[in-house]
Amino acid sequence: MKQNKDLKLQRIVMEVFGGCNYTCQMCPQSNPGRGKNFTRKMPLREFERILDMIVPKYGKPIINLEGSGEPTMAKDLDLYVKAVKDRGLKCYMYCNGAKLNGEFMKKVIDAGIDFIRFSIIGYNKDKYKEWMNIDNFSLIINNILEASKYIQETKSNCKLATYHLVTDNSNLKYEVDQYKLNVINKTNVLSYIWKMHNWSGNYENKNARKKTERRSCGRPNAPELTVRAGGNINRTAAVVPCCQTLGPPNEAKSILGHLDKNTFEEVYFGEKFQELRKAHDEKDFDKIDYCKDCDFLYDDPEVLIWSNDPEARPHHMLGTDESFTLTDYSLNKLS
């Protein structure tokens, strides 16, 4: 991809905090565990500098405070939300929600956040504890209800949602029905139920997606960016292809550059990113260690099991333009 003055990014995934307060069974964040260089907090000044490096020159993308760490571990999270909103951008956040209550929750919502998604893997208290390794099911339900009440009281535009990964493909209907009963009916928020994925091959997925002929997931050529809080030793703001390259060995291998000392152009149009795009364009996935075993390369049409969001569809990123889907970039449309 040549440097493109007309490039308009749709989404930037910005990791505020690389560590996590959970040890979920299926997540490489805890098993095998991220290196300490990746579990740091991104300084607010660095966060703002990166935003200003890209916006508005390369559009006004949605900013997703996700990455692969837990954003609510940052005590001043509201300042990061405010930084996004001060630049006229939409701010989304994916979290486990254990800390999102009380005054902390109110400050985040008052800062203007647009969308908060709670990860609830497990369709009841016992399953939640089994998969997320903590007995917080009731706490999370209560936190959602508390946030919903505050949103109504303050007339905030923030939307809430839950997210679930199917834990048993052989019993889909039962699992979906139980999730509706124990989560959706109690919280009355948007919900998304997906098949489990394998984090670029770092997790042995027993609930695998359907294996088809491999094709590009679209991410290398899509107008989006994923930025880690940490990176290599003594570096921050590592750019990686997507949030799936989590934990050793793939996370370090997948670093395409760092925005702490390099410009956006040097990384996004740089040699490593170009090599990745070329491999995807030519379907030479075995050439890329952190891509070759990723199940996002399989086009499973049933990957989105259920949602009560009428706009939800498998390859569309929440908050982006309706016309934007990752599969549109399976071939290099931006060259």
Protein backbone atom coordinates (compact mmCIF):
# COMPACT_ATOMS: atom_id res chain seq x y z
CA MET A 1 0.00 0.00 0.00
CA LYS A 2 1.42 3.34 -1.04
CA GLN A 3 0.99 6.34 1.21
CA ASN A 4 -2.56 7.44 0.61
CA LYS A 5 -3.53 11.03 1.33
CA ASP A 6 -7.18 10.06 0.93
CA LEU A 7 -7.03 7.36 3.62
CA LYS A 8 -9.85 7.74 6.14
CA LEU A 9 -9.55 5.43 9.11
CA GLN A 10 -12.79 3.90 10.35
CA ARG A 11 -11.59 2.63 13.71
CA ILE A 12 -8.63 2.82 16.09
CA VAL A 13 -8.39 0.26 18.88
CA MET A 14 -6.41 2.06 21.60
CA GLU A 15 -5.34 0.04 24.62
CA VAL A 16 -5.38 2.21 27.75
CA PHE A 17 -4.14 -0.49 30.13
CA GLY A 18 -2.43 -3.71 29.07
CA GLY A 19 -3.00 -5.72 32.24
CA CYS A 20 -6.21 -7.32 33.47
CA ASN A 21 -7.87 -8.10 36.79
CA TYR A 22 -9.34 -11.36 35.42
CA THR A 23 -7.76 -14.72 34.53
CA CYS A 24 -10.28 -16.06 32.02
CA GLN A 25 -9.88 -19.69 30.98
CA MET A 26 -9.77 -19.02 27.22
CA CYS A 27 -7.79 -15.76 27.21
CA PRO A 28 -4.02 -15.65 26.47
CA GLN A 29 -3.91 -12.56 28.71
CA SER A 30 -3.67 -15.00 31.62
CA ASN A 31 -2.76 -18.27 29.92
CA PRO A 32 0.09 -18.26 28.98
CA GLY A 33 0.11 -14.63 30.15
CA ARG A 34 1.30 -11.43 28.51
CA GLY A 35 4.87 -10.24 28.93
CA LYS A 36 5.36 -7.39 31.42
CA ASN A 37 6.26 -5.04 28.57
CA PHE A 38 2.68 -5.34 27.36
CA THR A 39 0.84 -4.99 30.66
CA ARG A 40 1.61 -1.34 31.33
CA LYS A 41 -0.63 1.69 31.18
CA MET A 42 -0.49 4.06 28.23
CA PRO A 43 0.31 7.57 29.53
CA LEU A 44 -2.47 10.06 28.88
CA ARG A 45 -0.11 12.46 27.07
CA GLU A 46 0.99 9.64 24.76
CA PHE A 47 -2.64 8.71 24.12
CA GLU A 48 -3.50 12.30 23.19
CA ARG A 49 -0.37 12.71 21.06
CA ILE A 50 -1.27 9.63 19.00
CA LEU A 51 -4.81 10.90 18.49
CA ASP A 52 -3.48 14.25 17.29
CA MET A 53 -1.01 12.53 14.98
CA ILE A 54 -3.87 10.87 13.11
CA VAL A 55 -6.99 13.02 13.63
CA PRO A 56 -8.31 14.79 11.59
CA LYS A 57 -5.67 14.21 8.88
CA TYR A 58 -6.78 10.61 8.39
CA GLY A 59 -10.44 11.01 9.20
CA LYS A 60 -12.49 10.90 12.37
CA PRO A 61 -12.44 7.23 13.36
CA ILE A 62 -14.28 5.64 16.22
CA ILE A 63 -11.89 5.11 19.15
CA ASN A 64 -12.33 1.78 20.91
CA LEU A 65 -10.71 1.59 24.35
CA GLU A 66 -10.14 -2.11 24.08
CA GLY A 67 -6.91 -3.64 22.84
CA SER A 68 -6.64 -6.73 25.00
CA GLY A 69 -6.19 -5.31 28.46
CA GLU A 70 -8.88 -4.15 30.88
CA PRO A 71 -9.47 -0.39 30.42
CA THR A 72 -11.23 0.02 33.78
CA MET A 73 -7.90 -0.71 35.50
CA ALA A 74 -6.98 2.89 34.65
CA LYS A 75 -8.26 4.96 37.59
CA ASP A 76 -8.35 8.09 35.42
CA LEU A 77 -10.21 6.37 32.58
CA ASP A 78 -12.63 9.29 32.33
CA LEU A 79 -9.76 11.54 31.19
CA TYR A 80 -9.08 9.21 28.25
CA VAL A 81 -12.76 9.26 27.32
CA LYS A 82 -12.75 13.06 27.58
CA ALA A 83 -9.67 13.26 25.32
CA VAL A 84 -11.54 11.29 22.66
CA LYS A 85 -14.74 13.32 22.97
CA ASP A 86 -12.85 16.66 22.97
CA ARG A 87 -11.67 15.73 19.47
CA GLY A 88 -15.21 15.14 18.25
CA LEU A 89 -14.86 11.35 18.04
CA LYS A 90 -17.07 8.47 19.13
CA CYS A 91 -15.70 6.53 22.09
CA TYR A 92 -16.45 2.83 22.63
CA MET A 93 -15.18 0.56 25.39
CA TYR A 94 -15.10 -3.22 25.85
CA CYS A 95 -14.52 -4.37 29.43
CA ASN A 96 -15.32 -7.03 32.02
CA GLY A 97 -17.15 -4.38 34.03
CA ALA A 98 -16.15 -5.53 37.52
CA LYS A 99 -14.90 -2.06 38.49
CA LEU A 100 -17.54 -0.12 36.58
CA ASN A 101 -19.80 1.02 39.40
CA GLY A 102 -20.28 3.86 41.85
CA GLU A 103 -18.53 7.19 41.27
CA PHE A 104 -16.04 5.65 38.86
CA MET A 105 -18.85 4.53 36.54
CA LYS A 106 -20.53 7.93 36.78
CA LYS A 107 -17.32 9.78 35.85
CA VAL A 108 -16.82 7.57 32.77
CA ILE A 109 -20.40 8.12 31.58
CA ASP A 110 -20.29 11.85 32.39
CA ALA A 111 -17.14 12.12 30.25
CA GLY A 112 -19.35 11.28 27.27
CA ILE A 113 -18.59 7.65 26.43
CA ASP A 114 -20.88 6.41 23.64
CA PHE A 115 -20.91 2.63 24.11
CA ILE A 116 -19.86 0.16 26.83
CA ARG A 117 -19.77 -3.57 26.20
CA PHE A 118 -19.54 -5.98 29.16
CA SER A 119 -17.90 -9.35 28.51
CA ILE A 120 -20.02 -12.03 30.19
CA ILE A 121 -18.67 -15.43 29.16
CA GLY A 122 -20.99 -17.92 30.80
CA TYR A 123 -24.77 -18.08 30.72
CA ASN A 124 -25.26 -18.39 34.49
CA LYS A 125 -23.37 -17.94 37.75
CA ASP A 126 -21.64 -21.33 37.63
CA LYS A 127 -20.63 -21.12 33.97
CA TYR A 128 -19.35 -17.58 34.44
CA LYS A 129 -17.12 -18.73 37.31
CA GLU A 130 -15.93 -21.73 35.25
CA TRP A 131 -14.87 -19.63 32.26
CA MET A 132 -13.88 -16.31 33.85
CA ASN A 133 -12.40 -17.83 37.01
CA ILE A 134 -14.16 -15.46 39.38
CA ASP A 135 -17.53 -15.45 41.12
CA ASN A 136 -18.67 -12.07 39.78
CA PHE A 137 -21.76 -12.92 37.75
CA SER A 138 -24.20 -11.15 40.08
CA LEU A 139 -21.85 -8.20 40.49
CA ILE A 140 -21.69 -7.62 36.73
CA ILE A 141 -25.47 -7.87 36.32
CA ASN A 142 -25.88 -5.33 39.12
CA ASN A 143 -23.24 -3.04 37.60
CA ILE A 144 -25.10 -3.05 34.28
CA LEU A 145 -28.38 -2.24 36.01
CA GLU A 146 -26.70 0.55 38.01
CA ALA A 147 -25.18 2.04 34.85
CA SER A 148 -28.51 1.76 33.00
CA LYS A 149 -30.26 3.63 35.79
CA TYR A 150 -27.65 6.39 35.80
CA ILE A 151 -27.85 6.73 32.01
CA GLN A 152 -31.61 7.19 32.25
CA GLU A 153 -31.32 9.69 35.11
CA THR A 154 -28.73 11.83 33.34
CA LYS A 155 -30.24 11.40 29.85
CA SER A 156 -26.87 10.20 28.59
CA ASN A 157 -26.63 8.86 25.03
CA CYS A 158 -24.42 5.99 26.16
CA LYS A 159 -25.53 2.53 25.06
CA LEU A 160 -24.79 -0.66 26.99
CA ALA A 161 -24.28 -4.17 25.69
CA THR A 162 -23.10 -7.63 26.71
CA TYR A 163 -20.87 -10.05 24.86
CA HIS A 164 -20.73 -13.83 25.09
CA LEU A 165 -18.56 -16.49 23.48
CA VAL A 166 -20.25 -19.87 23.08
CA THR A 167 -18.69 -22.48 25.37
CA ASP A 168 -20.31 -25.56 23.82
CA ASN A 169 -21.04 -25.67 20.09
CA SER A 170 -22.95 -28.94 20.48
CA ASN A 171 -25.57 -27.30 22.66
CA LEU A 172 -26.11 -23.94 21.01
CA LYS A 173 -29.84 -23.52 21.46
CA TYR A 174 -29.72 -24.32 25.17
CA GLU A 175 -26.79 -21.96 25.73
CA VAL A 176 -28.43 -19.09 23.86
CA ASP A 177 -31.75 -19.64 25.65
CA GLN A 178 -30.03 -19.65 29.05
CA TYR A 179 -28.07 -16.50 28.21
CA LYS A 180 -31.27 -14.76 27.22
CA LEU A 181 -32.95 -15.86 30.45
CA ASN A 182 -30.13 -15.06 32.87
CA VAL A 183 -28.44 -12.07 31.25
CA ILE A 184 -30.45 -10.38 28.52
CA ASN A 185 -33.88 -10.54 30.18
CA LYS A 186 -32.39 -9.20 33.42
CA THR A 187 -30.41 -6.32 31.92
CA ASN A 188 -32.49 -5.40 28.84
CA VAL A 189 -29.43 -4.26 26.89
CA LEU A 190 -27.97 -5.09 23.49
CA SER A 191 -26.23 -8.46 23.35
CA TYR A 192 -23.93 -10.29 20.96
CA ILE A 193 -23.30 -14.05 21.08
CA TRP A 194 -20.38 -15.32 19.01
CA LYS A 195 -18.55 -18.55 18.42
CA MET A 196 -15.28 -18.87 20.33
CA HIS A 197 -12.07 -17.93 18.48
CA ASN A 198 -8.45 -19.01 18.99
CA TRP A 199 -6.55 -15.74 19.40
CA SER A 200 -4.33 -16.27 16.32
CA GLY A 201 -3.62 -19.83 17.38
CA ASN A 202 -2.61 -19.06 20.98
CA TYR A 203 -5.68 -20.83 22.39
CA GLU A 204 -6.64 -24.43 21.62
CA ASN A 205 -10.27 -23.82 20.77
CA LYS A 206 -12.44 -26.85 21.52
CA ASN A 207 -15.44 -24.99 20.11
CA ALA A 208 -13.84 -24.33 16.75
CA ARG A 209 -15.27 -22.35 13.89
CA LYS A 210 -16.06 -24.15 10.66
CA LYS A 211 -12.88 -24.72 8.68
CA THR A 212 -13.16 -23.54 5.10
CA GLU A 213 -10.57 -22.57 2.54
CA ARG A 214 -8.47 -19.85 4.11
CA ARG A 215 -8.98 -16.30 2.90
CA SER A 216 -7.80 -12.97 4.26
CA CYS A 217 -9.67 -11.72 7.31
CA GLY A 218 -9.42 -8.27 5.72
CA ARG A 219 -7.73 -6.58 8.65
CA PRO A 220 -4.31 -5.80 7.09
CA ASN A 221 -5.93 -3.78 4.30
CA ALA A 222 -8.85 -2.35 6.27
CA PRO A 223 -8.84 1.33 7.33
CA GLU A 224 -8.30 0.59 11.00
CA LEU A 225 -5.44 0.54 13.50
CA THR A 226 -4.69 -1.41 16.68
CA VAL A 227 -2.35 0.18 19.23
CA ARG A 228 -1.08 -1.56 22.39
CA ALA A 229 -0.31 0.30 25.59
CA GLY A 230 3.12 -1.36 25.76
CA GLY A 231 5.39 -3.08 23.26
CA ASN A 232 9.04 -4.03 23.04
CA ILE A 233 11.42 -3.31 25.94
CA ASN A 234 11.39 0.39 26.84
CA ARG A 235 8.84 1.08 24.10
CA THR A 236 5.15 1.97 24.16
CA ALA A 237 2.30 2.23 21.65
CA ALA A 238 3.13 -0.89 19.63
CA VAL A 239 1.05 -1.24 16.47
CA VAL A 240 -0.17 -4.80 15.80
CA PRO A 241 -2.41 -6.16 13.00
CA CYS A 242 -5.39 -6.77 15.29
CA CYS A 243 -6.37 -7.60 18.86
CA GLN A 244 -6.17 -11.37 18.18
CA THR A 245 -2.37 -11.53 18.44
CA LEU A 246 -2.45 -11.68 22.22
CA GLY A 247 0.20 -13.21 24.46
CA PRO A 248 3.44 -15.06 23.65
CA PRO A 249 4.75 -15.93 21.18
CA ASN A 250 2.52 -14.17 18.65
CA GLU A 251 2.11 -10.76 20.27
CA ALA A 252 5.77 -9.76 20.13
CA LYS A 253 6.16 -11.28 16.65
CA SER A 254 3.24 -9.25 15.34
CA ILE A 255 4.59 -5.78 16.22
CA LEU A 256 4.62 -3.69 13.05
CA GLY A 257 6.16 -0.61 14.66
CA HIS A 258 5.77 1.75 17.60
CA LEU A 259 4.06 5.13 17.64
CA ASP A 260 6.10 6.38 20.61
CA LYS A 261 9.00 7.35 18.34
CA ASN A 262 7.71 6.69 14.82
CA THR A 263 5.09 8.58 12.85
CA PHE A 264 1.81 7.02 11.83
CA GLU A 265 2.94 7.08 8.19
CA GLU A 266 6.23 5.32 8.98
CA VAL A 267 4.36 2.45 10.61
CA TYR A 268 1.12 2.19 8.63
CA PHE A 269 2.83 2.43 5.23
CA GLY A 270 6.05 0.80 6.45
CA GLU A 271 7.84 -2.34 5.32
CA LYS A 272 6.47 -4.74 7.96
CA PHE A 273 2.87 -3.69 7.33
CA GLN A 274 3.45 -3.99 3.58
CA GLU A 275 4.83 -7.52 3.95
CA LEU A 276 1.75 -8.51 5.95
CA ARG A 277 -0.60 -7.04 3.34
CA LYS A 278 1.27 -8.79 0.53
CA ALA A 279 1.02 -12.16 2.30
CA HIS A 280 -2.74 -11.70 2.74
CA ASP A 281 -3.25 -10.53 -0.83
CA GLU A 282 -1.42 -13.63 -2.11
CA LYS A 283 -2.99 -15.96 0.51
CA ASP A 284 0.52 -16.85 1.63
CA PHE A 285 -0.57 -17.10 5.27
CA ASP A 286 2.03 -19.70 6.27
CA LYS A 287 4.63 -16.99 5.73
CA ILE A 288 3.23 -15.06 8.72
CA ASP A 289 3.74 -16.94 12.01
CA TYR A 290 1.08 -14.99 13.89
CA CYS A 291 -1.53 -15.42 11.12
CA LYS A 292 -1.10 -18.97 9.86
CA ASP A 293 -3.08 -20.69 12.63
CA CYS A 294 -5.68 -17.97 13.21
CA ASP A 295 -9.27 -19.13 12.76
CA PHE A 296 -10.33 -15.68 11.57
CA LEU A 297 -8.99 -16.86 8.20
CA TYR A 298 -11.97 -19.22 7.92
CA ASP A 299 -15.19 -17.76 6.56
CA ASP A 300 -17.71 -19.30 8.94
CA PRO A 301 -21.09 -17.74 8.05
CA GLU A 302 -22.52 -18.81 11.42
CA VAL A 303 -19.88 -17.13 13.57
CA LEU A 304 -22.41 -14.60 14.91
CA ILE A 305 -24.83 -16.91 16.70
CA TRP A 306 -27.40 -14.41 17.95
CA SER A 307 -27.93 -10.72 18.63
CA ASN A 308 -30.84 -8.44 19.46
CA ASP A 309 -29.07 -5.62 17.63
CA PRO A 310 -30.72 -5.31 14.19
CA GLU A 311 -27.50 -3.76 12.81
CA ALA A 312 -25.23 -6.61 13.93
CA ARG A 313 -23.55 -8.66 11.24
CA PRO A 314 -20.46 -10.89 11.25
CA HIS A 315 -17.77 -8.71 9.69
CA HIS A 316 -19.01 -5.25 10.61
CA MET A 317 -17.16 -3.41 13.38
CA LEU A 318 -19.48 -1.77 15.91
CA GLY A 319 -19.69 1.99 15.59
CA THR A 320 -18.19 2.24 12.11
CA ASP A 321 -20.02 3.28 8.94
CA GLU A 322 -22.75 0.84 7.96
CA SER A 323 -20.99 0.20 4.67
CA PHE A 324 -17.73 -0.86 6.35
CA THR A 325 -17.14 -4.60 6.61
CA LEU A 326 -13.77 -6.33 6.98
CA THR A 327 -14.47 -8.81 4.20
CA ASP A 328 -14.55 -5.90 1.74
CA TYR A 329 -10.79 -5.76 2.30
CA SER A 330 -9.96 -9.39 1.70
CA LEU A 331 -8.38 -8.11 -1.49
CA ASN A 332 -6.29 -4.95 -1.48
CA LYS A 333 -8.79 -2.19 -2.22
CA LEU A 334 -6.58 0.58 -0.83
CA SER A 335 -3.54 0.18 -3.09
